[in-house]
Amino acid sequence: MNLVHAPFYQGYVDLVKGNIETELKHQISEISVLINNVPDEKWKYRYEKGKWTVAQLLQHCIDTERIMVFRALSLARGETASLPGFSENDYAAISEYARQDKSKMAEEFYHLRKSHLSLFQSMPEKILKKEGEADGKPISVMSLWYITVGHWKHHQKVIAERYF
């Protein structure tokens, strides 16, 4: 399937090696296990001054997944206006992630991904091929699903390498 997206997203897309539906399903349990296995003393840990805490990073992953899937839904339903961009740092700064309990965050992400998997499964190929614009750049519905999966894979690697 033809993937259309800004070059910025290619790194995320390249991380998806298998079937996109299988990857979406597999990550459901993977996400919960990772979050629930974060030691309490690491929840607010920063590997370097000015970097996000584990909690902030995971909240960023939830926020980004919501945004990418909102974009996919919007384009799938025929939105023709360019969808807005977002500043990950601005979102992180006001997310109040520190109030978030890790078990509740794991549950939130679990239900979010389950819901998103159902949405993906409801989209026939002709919908997945639809294209539109986000942040002033062309993007396809299918690319947004790849970005969603690849974004998590990217941050999962960051967590493993820099936080634990």
N, C-alpha and C. Protein backbone atom coordinates (compact mmCIF):
# COMPACT_ATOMS: atom_id res chain seq x y z
N MET A 1 0.85 -1.17 0.00
CA MET A 1 0.00 0.00 0.00
C MET A 1 0.90 1.24 0.00
N ASN A 2 0.49 2.24 -0.74
CA ASN A 2 1.26 3.46 -0.85
C ASN A 2 1.13 4.30 0.42
N LEU A 3 2.26 4.58 1.05
CA LEU A 3 2.27 5.39 2.27
C LEU A 3 2.68 6.81 1.89
N VAL A 4 1.90 7.80 2.35
CA VAL A 4 2.17 9.19 2.05
C VAL A 4 2.30 9.93 3.37
N HIS A 5 3.45 10.57 3.57
CA HIS A 5 3.69 11.31 4.81
C HIS A 5 4.92 12.21 4.63
N ALA A 6 5.05 13.17 5.51
CA ALA A 6 6.21 14.05 5.50
C ALA A 6 7.46 13.25 5.85
N PRO A 7 8.62 13.65 5.32
CA PRO A 7 9.87 12.94 5.61
C PRO A 7 10.15 12.78 7.11
N PHE A 8 9.70 13.72 7.92
CA PHE A 8 9.89 13.66 9.37
C PHE A 8 9.42 12.33 9.95
N TYR A 9 8.35 11.77 9.40
CA TYR A 9 7.75 10.55 9.94
C TYR A 9 8.40 9.26 9.45
N GLN A 10 9.30 9.35 8.49
CA GLN A 10 9.86 8.14 7.89
C GLN A 10 10.53 7.23 8.92
N GLY A 11 11.22 7.81 9.88
CA GLY A 11 11.88 7.00 10.90
C GLY A 11 10.90 6.14 11.68
N TYR A 12 9.72 6.66 11.97
CA TYR A 12 8.69 5.88 12.66
C TYR A 12 8.15 4.79 11.74
N VAL A 13 7.86 5.15 10.50
CA VAL A 13 7.31 4.19 9.54
C VAL A 13 8.29 3.03 9.33
N ASP A 14 9.58 3.33 9.25
CA ASP A 14 10.59 2.30 9.02
C ASP A 14 10.69 1.30 10.17
N LEU A 15 10.23 1.66 11.35
CA LEU A 15 10.29 0.75 12.50
C LEU A 15 9.23 -0.35 12.44
N VAL A 16 8.25 -0.18 11.57
CA VAL A 16 7.18 -1.18 11.44
C VAL A 16 7.62 -2.23 10.43
N LYS A 17 7.92 -3.42 10.93
CA LYS A 17 8.46 -4.48 10.07
C LYS A 17 7.41 -5.50 9.63
N GLY A 18 6.39 -5.68 10.44
CA GLY A 18 5.40 -6.71 10.14
C GLY A 18 4.08 -6.12 9.68
N ASN A 19 3.07 -6.96 9.74
CA ASN A 19 1.71 -6.57 9.39
C ASN A 19 1.21 -5.53 10.38
N ILE A 20 0.64 -4.44 9.88
CA ILE A 20 0.26 -3.34 10.75
C ILE A 20 -0.81 -3.75 11.77
N GLU A 21 -1.76 -4.55 11.38
CA GLU A 21 -2.80 -4.99 12.32
C GLU A 21 -2.19 -5.86 13.42
N THR A 22 -1.30 -6.76 13.03
CA THR A 22 -0.62 -7.61 14.01
C THR A 22 0.19 -6.77 14.99
N GLU A 23 0.87 -5.76 14.46
CA GLU A 23 1.66 -4.87 15.32
C GLU A 23 0.77 -4.10 16.29
N LEU A 24 -0.35 -3.58 15.81
CA LEU A 24 -1.29 -2.87 16.68
C LEU A 24 -1.75 -3.77 17.82
N LYS A 25 -2.11 -5.02 17.48
CA LYS A 25 -2.57 -5.98 18.49
C LYS A 25 -1.46 -6.31 19.48
N HIS A 26 -0.28 -6.62 18.97
CA HIS A 26 0.84 -7.02 19.82
C HIS A 26 1.20 -5.92 20.83
N GLN A 27 1.15 -4.69 20.39
CA GLN A 27 1.54 -3.59 21.26
C GLN A 27 0.57 -3.36 22.42
N ILE A 28 -0.65 -3.85 22.31
CA ILE A 28 -1.63 -3.66 23.40
C ILE A 28 -1.08 -4.20 24.71
N SER A 29 -0.65 -5.44 24.71
CA SER A 29 -0.14 -6.03 25.95
C SER A 29 1.26 -5.50 26.26
N GLU A 30 2.04 -5.26 25.23
CA GLU A 30 3.40 -4.76 25.40
C GLU A 30 3.43 -3.43 26.15
N ILE A 31 2.52 -2.54 25.80
CA ILE A 31 2.43 -1.23 26.43
C ILE A 31 2.11 -1.37 27.92
N SER A 32 1.09 -2.17 28.23
CA SER A 32 0.70 -2.35 29.63
C SER A 32 1.81 -2.97 30.45
N VAL A 33 2.47 -3.97 29.90
CA VAL A 33 3.56 -4.64 30.62
C VAL A 33 4.69 -3.65 30.90
N LEU A 34 5.07 -2.88 29.89
CA LEU A 34 6.16 -1.93 30.09
C LEU A 34 5.81 -0.91 31.18
N ILE A 35 4.64 -0.31 31.09
CA ILE A 35 4.26 0.71 32.07
C ILE A 35 4.19 0.12 33.47
N ASN A 36 3.54 -1.02 33.61
CA ASN A 36 3.39 -1.63 34.93
C ASN A 36 4.72 -2.10 35.52
N ASN A 37 5.72 -2.30 34.67
CA ASN A 37 7.03 -2.75 35.15
C ASN A 37 8.01 -1.61 35.42
N VAL A 38 7.57 -0.38 35.25
CA VAL A 38 8.43 0.75 35.59
C VAL A 38 8.54 0.80 37.12
N PRO A 39 9.74 0.68 37.65
CA PRO A 39 9.89 0.76 39.11
C PRO A 39 9.41 2.13 39.61
N ASP A 40 8.78 2.14 40.77
CA ASP A 40 8.24 3.38 41.32
C ASP A 40 9.28 4.50 41.37
N GLU A 41 10.52 4.13 41.72
CA GLU A 41 11.57 5.15 41.84
C GLU A 41 11.98 5.71 40.48
N LYS A 42 11.59 5.06 39.39
CA LYS A 42 11.94 5.54 38.05
C LYS A 42 10.80 6.35 37.40
N TRP A 43 9.62 6.36 38.01
CA TRP A 43 8.45 6.99 37.41
C TRP A 43 8.70 8.46 37.09
N LYS A 44 9.39 9.17 37.97
CA LYS A 44 9.67 10.59 37.75
C LYS A 44 11.15 10.84 37.44
N TYR A 45 11.82 9.80 36.98
CA TYR A 45 13.24 9.87 36.67
C TYR A 45 13.47 10.55 35.31
N ARG A 46 14.49 11.40 35.25
CA ARG A 46 14.97 12.01 34.00
C ARG A 46 16.40 11.53 33.80
N TYR A 47 16.71 11.06 32.63
CA TYR A 47 18.07 10.57 32.39
C TYR A 47 19.06 11.71 32.20
N GLU A 48 18.53 12.92 32.00
CA GLU A 48 19.38 14.09 31.82
C GLU A 48 18.53 15.33 32.12
N LYS A 49 19.18 16.35 32.67
CA LYS A 49 18.46 17.59 32.98
C LYS A 49 17.78 18.13 31.72
N GLY A 50 16.53 18.52 31.86
CA GLY A 50 15.78 19.06 30.73
C GLY A 50 15.06 18.02 29.91
N LYS A 51 15.32 16.75 30.16
CA LYS A 51 14.63 15.67 29.44
C LYS A 51 13.36 15.30 30.19
N TRP A 52 12.45 14.65 29.51
CA TRP A 52 11.19 14.25 30.13
C TRP A 52 11.39 13.13 31.13
N THR A 53 10.50 13.06 32.09
CA THR A 53 10.48 11.92 33.00
C THR A 53 9.83 10.75 32.26
N VAL A 54 9.92 9.56 32.84
CA VAL A 54 9.26 8.39 32.26
C VAL A 54 7.76 8.67 32.15
N ALA A 55 7.17 9.21 33.21
CA ALA A 55 5.74 9.51 33.19
C ALA A 55 5.39 10.49 32.08
N GLN A 56 6.19 11.52 31.91
CA GLN A 56 5.96 12.50 30.85
C GLN A 56 6.08 11.87 29.47
N LEU A 57 7.08 11.04 29.31
CA LEU A 57 7.29 10.37 28.03
C LEU A 57 6.10 9.48 27.67
N LEU A 58 5.60 8.75 28.65
CA LEU A 58 4.45 7.89 28.40
C LEU A 58 3.19 8.71 28.13
N GLN A 59 3.03 9.83 28.83
CA GLN A 59 1.89 10.70 28.54
C GLN A 59 2.00 11.26 27.13
N HIS A 60 3.20 11.59 26.71
CA HIS A 60 3.44 12.04 25.33
C HIS A 60 3.01 10.97 24.33
N CYS A 61 3.32 9.71 24.62
CA CYS A 61 2.93 8.62 23.72
C CYS A 61 1.40 8.51 23.62
N ILE A 62 0.72 8.66 24.75
CA ILE A 62 -0.75 8.62 24.75
C ILE A 62 -1.30 9.80 23.95
N ASP A 63 -0.79 10.99 24.22
CA ASP A 63 -1.27 12.18 23.51
C ASP A 63 -1.05 12.05 22.01
N THR A 64 0.14 11.61 21.63
CA THR A 64 0.47 11.49 20.21
C THR A 64 -0.41 10.44 19.54
N GLU A 65 -0.64 9.32 20.22
CA GLU A 65 -1.51 8.31 19.63
C GLU A 65 -2.90 8.87 19.40
N ARG A 66 -3.42 9.61 20.36
CA ARG A 66 -4.75 10.21 20.19
C ARG A 66 -4.78 11.15 18.99
N ILE A 67 -3.74 11.95 18.84
CA ILE A 67 -3.69 12.91 17.74
C ILE A 67 -3.59 12.20 16.39
N MET A 68 -2.71 11.22 16.28
CA MET A 68 -2.54 10.51 15.00
C MET A 68 -3.82 9.78 14.61
N VAL A 69 -4.48 9.18 15.57
CA VAL A 69 -5.71 8.44 15.25
C VAL A 69 -6.86 9.41 14.97
N PHE A 70 -6.89 10.54 15.64
CA PHE A 70 -7.87 11.58 15.30
C PHE A 70 -7.68 11.99 13.84
N ARG A 71 -6.44 12.17 13.46
CA ARG A 71 -6.15 12.54 12.07
C ARG A 71 -6.62 11.45 11.11
N ALA A 72 -6.33 10.20 11.45
CA ALA A 72 -6.75 9.08 10.59
C ALA A 72 -8.28 9.05 10.46
N LEU A 73 -8.98 9.21 11.57
CA LEU A 73 -10.44 9.22 11.54
C LEU A 73 -10.96 10.39 10.72
N SER A 74 -10.38 11.56 10.93
CA SER A 74 -10.82 12.75 10.19
C SER A 74 -10.69 12.56 8.69
N LEU A 75 -9.54 12.07 8.25
CA LEU A 75 -9.32 11.85 6.81
C LEU A 75 -10.22 10.73 6.29
N ALA A 76 -10.38 9.70 7.09
CA ALA A 76 -11.24 8.57 6.68
C ALA A 76 -12.68 9.02 6.47
N ARG A 77 -13.10 10.01 7.23
CA ARG A 77 -14.48 10.50 7.13
C ARG A 77 -14.62 11.67 6.15
N GLY A 78 -13.54 11.96 5.43
CA GLY A 78 -13.64 12.93 4.35
C GLY A 78 -13.23 14.35 4.67
N GLU A 79 -12.57 14.56 5.78
CA GLU A 79 -12.12 15.93 6.11
C GLU A 79 -11.21 16.44 4.99
N THR A 80 -11.47 17.66 4.56
CA THR A 80 -10.66 18.25 3.49
C THR A 80 -9.78 19.39 3.98
N ALA A 81 -10.06 19.93 5.16
CA ALA A 81 -9.23 20.99 5.73
C ALA A 81 -7.91 20.39 6.22
N SER A 82 -6.85 21.20 6.19
CA SER A 82 -5.58 20.74 6.74
C SER A 82 -5.73 20.61 8.25
N LEU A 83 -5.37 19.45 8.76
CA LEU A 83 -5.48 19.22 10.21
C LEU A 83 -4.32 19.90 10.92
N PRO A 84 -4.55 20.39 12.13
CA PRO A 84 -3.50 21.16 12.81
C PRO A 84 -2.33 20.31 13.26
N GLY A 85 -1.19 20.98 13.41
CA GLY A 85 -0.02 20.35 14.02
C GLY A 85 -0.15 20.49 15.53
N PHE A 86 0.89 20.08 16.25
CA PHE A 86 0.90 20.25 17.70
C PHE A 86 2.34 20.28 18.17
N SER A 87 2.54 20.94 19.29
CA SER A 87 3.87 21.02 19.89
C SER A 87 3.95 20.02 21.03
N GLU A 88 4.75 18.99 20.85
CA GLU A 88 4.87 17.96 21.88
C GLU A 88 5.36 18.53 23.20
N ASN A 89 6.24 19.51 23.14
CA ASN A 89 6.76 20.11 24.37
C ASN A 89 5.71 20.95 25.08
N ASP A 90 4.90 21.68 24.33
CA ASP A 90 3.81 22.44 24.94
C ASP A 90 2.80 21.50 25.58
N TYR A 91 2.46 20.42 24.90
CA TYR A 91 1.51 19.45 25.45
C TYR A 91 2.08 18.83 26.73
N ALA A 92 3.35 18.46 26.69
CA ALA A 92 3.98 17.82 27.86
C ALA A 92 4.02 18.79 29.04
N ALA A 93 4.26 20.04 28.77
CA ALA A 93 4.40 21.03 29.85
C ALA A 93 3.11 21.22 30.64
N ILE A 94 1.96 21.03 29.99
CA ILE A 94 0.69 21.26 30.69
C ILE A 94 -0.10 19.99 30.96
N SER A 95 0.52 18.84 30.75
CA SER A 95 -0.21 17.57 30.89
C SER A 95 -0.49 17.15 32.32
N GLU A 96 0.19 17.74 33.29
CA GLU A 96 0.06 17.35 34.69
C GLU A 96 0.32 15.86 34.87
N TYR A 97 1.27 15.36 34.11
CA TYR A 97 1.64 13.95 34.15
C TYR A 97 2.00 13.49 35.55
N ALA A 98 2.53 14.36 36.38
CA ALA A 98 2.99 13.97 37.71
C ALA A 98 1.85 13.48 38.59
N ARG A 99 0.63 13.92 38.29
CA ARG A 99 -0.53 13.45 39.05
C ARG A 99 -0.97 12.06 38.61
N GLN A 100 -0.48 11.62 37.49
CA GLN A 100 -0.93 10.38 36.88
C GLN A 100 -0.32 9.17 37.57
N ASP A 101 -1.14 8.29 38.04
CA ASP A 101 -0.73 7.02 38.63
C ASP A 101 -0.37 6.06 37.49
N LYS A 102 0.72 5.32 37.66
CA LYS A 102 1.17 4.50 36.53
C LYS A 102 0.19 3.38 36.18
N SER A 103 -0.50 2.80 37.15
CA SER A 103 -1.47 1.75 36.81
C SER A 103 -2.66 2.33 36.05
N LYS A 104 -3.05 3.56 36.40
CA LYS A 104 -4.14 4.21 35.66
C LYS A 104 -3.69 4.59 34.25
N MET A 105 -2.42 5.00 34.12
CA MET A 105 -1.89 5.33 32.81
C MET A 105 -1.82 4.07 31.93
N ALA A 106 -1.41 2.97 32.52
CA ALA A 106 -1.36 1.70 31.77
C ALA A 106 -2.76 1.30 31.32
N GLU A 107 -3.72 1.45 32.20
CA GLU A 107 -5.11 1.12 31.85
C GLU A 107 -5.64 2.04 30.75
N GLU A 108 -5.34 3.33 30.87
CA GLU A 108 -5.77 4.29 29.86
C GLU A 108 -5.19 3.94 28.48
N PHE A 109 -3.90 3.68 28.44
CA PHE A 109 -3.24 3.36 27.18
C PHE A 109 -3.78 2.05 26.61
N TYR A 110 -4.02 1.07 27.46
CA TYR A 110 -4.57 -0.22 27.04
C TYR A 110 -5.93 -0.02 26.35
N HIS A 111 -6.83 0.70 27.01
CA HIS A 111 -8.16 0.91 26.44
C HIS A 111 -8.11 1.77 25.19
N LEU A 112 -7.22 2.74 25.20
CA LEU A 112 -7.04 3.60 24.03
C LEU A 112 -6.63 2.76 22.82
N ARG A 113 -5.62 1.94 23.00
CA ARG A 113 -5.13 1.12 21.87
C ARG A 113 -6.17 0.09 21.44
N LYS A 114 -6.89 -0.52 22.38
CA LYS A 114 -7.95 -1.47 22.01
C LYS A 114 -8.99 -0.77 21.13
N SER A 115 -9.38 0.43 21.53
CA SER A 115 -10.35 1.20 20.76
C SER A 115 -9.79 1.55 19.38
N HIS A 116 -8.53 1.94 19.33
CA HIS A 116 -7.92 2.30 18.06
C HIS A 116 -7.77 1.09 17.14
N LEU A 117 -7.49 -0.07 17.71
CA LEU A 117 -7.43 -1.29 16.91
C LEU A 117 -8.79 -1.57 16.28
N SER A 118 -9.85 -1.42 17.04
CA SER A 118 -11.20 -1.63 16.49
C SER A 118 -11.48 -0.66 15.34
N LEU A 119 -11.07 0.59 15.52
CA LEU A 119 -11.26 1.57 14.45
C LEU A 119 -10.48 1.15 13.21
N PHE A 120 -9.22 0.78 13.38
CA PHE A 120 -8.41 0.34 12.24
C PHE A 120 -9.09 -0.83 11.52
N GLN A 121 -9.54 -1.81 12.29
CA GLN A 121 -10.17 -3.00 11.70
C GLN A 121 -11.45 -2.68 10.95
N SER A 122 -12.07 -1.55 11.27
CA SER A 122 -13.32 -1.17 10.59
C SER A 122 -13.07 -0.46 9.27
N MET A 123 -11.82 -0.14 8.97
CA MET A 123 -11.51 0.64 7.77
C MET A 123 -11.14 -0.26 6.60
N PRO A 124 -11.96 -0.25 5.55
CA PRO A 124 -11.60 -1.02 4.35
C PRO A 124 -10.42 -0.38 3.62
N GLU A 125 -9.82 -1.12 2.71
CA GLU A 125 -8.63 -0.66 2.00
C GLU A 125 -8.84 0.69 1.31
N LYS A 126 -10.00 0.91 0.73
CA LYS A 126 -10.23 2.19 0.03
C LYS A 126 -10.16 3.37 1.00
N ILE A 127 -10.53 3.16 2.26
CA ILE A 127 -10.44 4.21 3.28
C ILE A 127 -8.98 4.40 3.69
N LEU A 128 -8.26 3.30 3.87
CA LEU A 128 -6.86 3.37 4.28
C LEU A 128 -6.00 4.09 3.24
N LYS A 129 -6.43 4.10 2.00
CA LYS A 129 -5.70 4.78 0.93
C LYS A 129 -5.98 6.28 0.86
N LYS A 130 -6.99 6.74 1.57
CA LYS A 130 -7.35 8.16 1.51
C LYS A 130 -6.19 9.02 1.97
N GLU A 131 -6.13 10.20 1.38
CA GLU A 131 -5.07 11.16 1.72
C GLU A 131 -5.68 12.50 2.07
N GLY A 132 -4.94 13.25 2.85
CA GLY A 132 -5.34 14.59 3.22
C GLY A 132 -4.10 15.36 3.62
N GLU A 133 -4.31 16.31 4.51
CA GLU A 133 -3.19 17.15 4.92
C GLU A 133 -3.21 17.35 6.43
N ALA A 134 -2.02 17.24 7.03
CA ALA A 134 -1.86 17.51 8.47
C ALA A 134 -0.62 18.37 8.65
N ASP A 135 -0.77 19.41 9.39
CA ASP A 135 0.34 20.34 9.66
C ASP A 135 0.93 20.87 8.34
N GLY A 136 0.05 21.06 7.35
CA GLY A 136 0.46 21.62 6.08
C GLY A 136 1.16 20.66 5.13
N LYS A 137 1.15 19.36 5.47
CA LYS A 137 1.85 18.38 4.63
C LYS A 137 0.92 17.21 4.29
N PRO A 138 1.10 16.62 3.10
CA PRO A 138 0.25 15.49 2.72
C PRO A 138 0.49 14.27 3.61
N ILE A 139 -0.60 13.53 3.85
CA ILE A 139 -0.50 12.32 4.67
C ILE A 139 -1.66 11.40 4.31
N SER A 140 -1.43 10.10 4.41
CA SER A 140 -2.49 9.12 4.14
C SER A 140 -2.95 8.49 5.44
N VAL A 141 -4.16 7.96 5.40
CA VAL A 141 -4.72 7.28 6.56
C VAL A 141 -3.80 6.14 6.98
N MET A 142 -3.34 5.34 6.01
CA MET A 142 -2.49 4.19 6.35
C MET A 142 -1.17 4.65 6.98
N SER A 143 -0.60 5.73 6.48
CA SER A 143 0.63 6.25 7.08
C SER A 143 0.41 6.60 8.54
N LEU A 144 -0.74 7.15 8.87
CA LEU A 144 -1.01 7.51 10.26
C LEU A 144 -1.02 6.28 11.17
N TRP A 145 -1.48 5.16 10.66
CA TRP A 145 -1.43 3.92 11.45
C TRP A 145 0.02 3.46 11.63
N TYR A 146 0.80 3.55 10.58
CA TYR A 146 2.22 3.18 10.68
C TYR A 146 2.95 4.11 11.66
N ILE A 147 2.64 5.39 11.58
CA ILE A 147 3.27 6.35 12.48
C ILE A 147 2.90 6.03 13.93
N THR A 148 1.66 5.68 14.17
CA THR A 148 1.20 5.34 15.52
C THR A 148 2.00 4.17 16.08
N VAL A 149 2.13 3.12 15.31
CA VAL A 149 2.88 1.93 15.75
C VAL A 149 4.37 2.26 15.88
N GLY A 150 4.94 2.94 14.89
CA GLY A 150 6.37 3.25 14.92
C GLY A 150 6.74 4.24 16.01
N HIS A 151 5.85 5.16 16.31
CA HIS A 151 6.11 6.12 17.38
C HIS A 151 6.28 5.39 18.71
N TRP A 152 5.39 4.43 18.99
CA TRP A 152 5.53 3.66 20.22
C TRP A 152 6.83 2.87 20.22
N LYS A 153 7.16 2.22 19.09
CA LYS A 153 8.40 1.44 19.01
C LYS A 153 9.62 2.34 19.29
N HIS A 154 9.60 3.53 18.74
CA HIS A 154 10.70 4.48 18.96
C HIS A 154 10.85 4.79 20.45
N HIS A 155 9.74 5.14 21.10
CA HIS A 155 9.83 5.52 22.51
C HIS A 155 10.07 4.32 23.43
N GLN A 156 9.63 3.17 23.02
CA GLN A 156 9.93 1.95 23.78
C GLN A 156 11.45 1.74 23.81
N LYS A 157 12.09 1.96 22.68
CA LYS A 157 13.54 1.84 22.60
C LYS A 157 14.23 2.91 23.45
N VAL A 158 13.74 4.13 23.39
CA VAL A 158 14.29 5.22 24.20
C VAL A 158 14.20 4.86 25.69
N ILE A 159 13.04 4.35 26.11
CA ILE A 159 12.85 3.98 27.51
C ILE A 159 13.88 2.91 27.91
N ALA A 160 14.01 1.90 27.08
CA ALA A 160 14.94 0.79 27.40
C ALA A 160 16.38 1.28 27.46
N GLU A 161 16.78 2.14 26.54
CA GLU A 161 18.17 2.56 26.45
C GLU A 161 18.56 3.69 27.41
N ARG A 162 17.64 4.58 27.71
CA ARG A 162 18.00 5.78 28.47
C ARG A 162 17.42 5.87 29.87
N TYR A 163 16.42 5.07 30.14
CA TYR A 163 15.77 5.18 31.45
C TYR A 163 16.03 3.97 32.34
N PHE A 164 16.34 2.82 31.74
CA PHE A 164 16.55 1.60 32.55
C PHE A 164 17.90 1.00 32.29
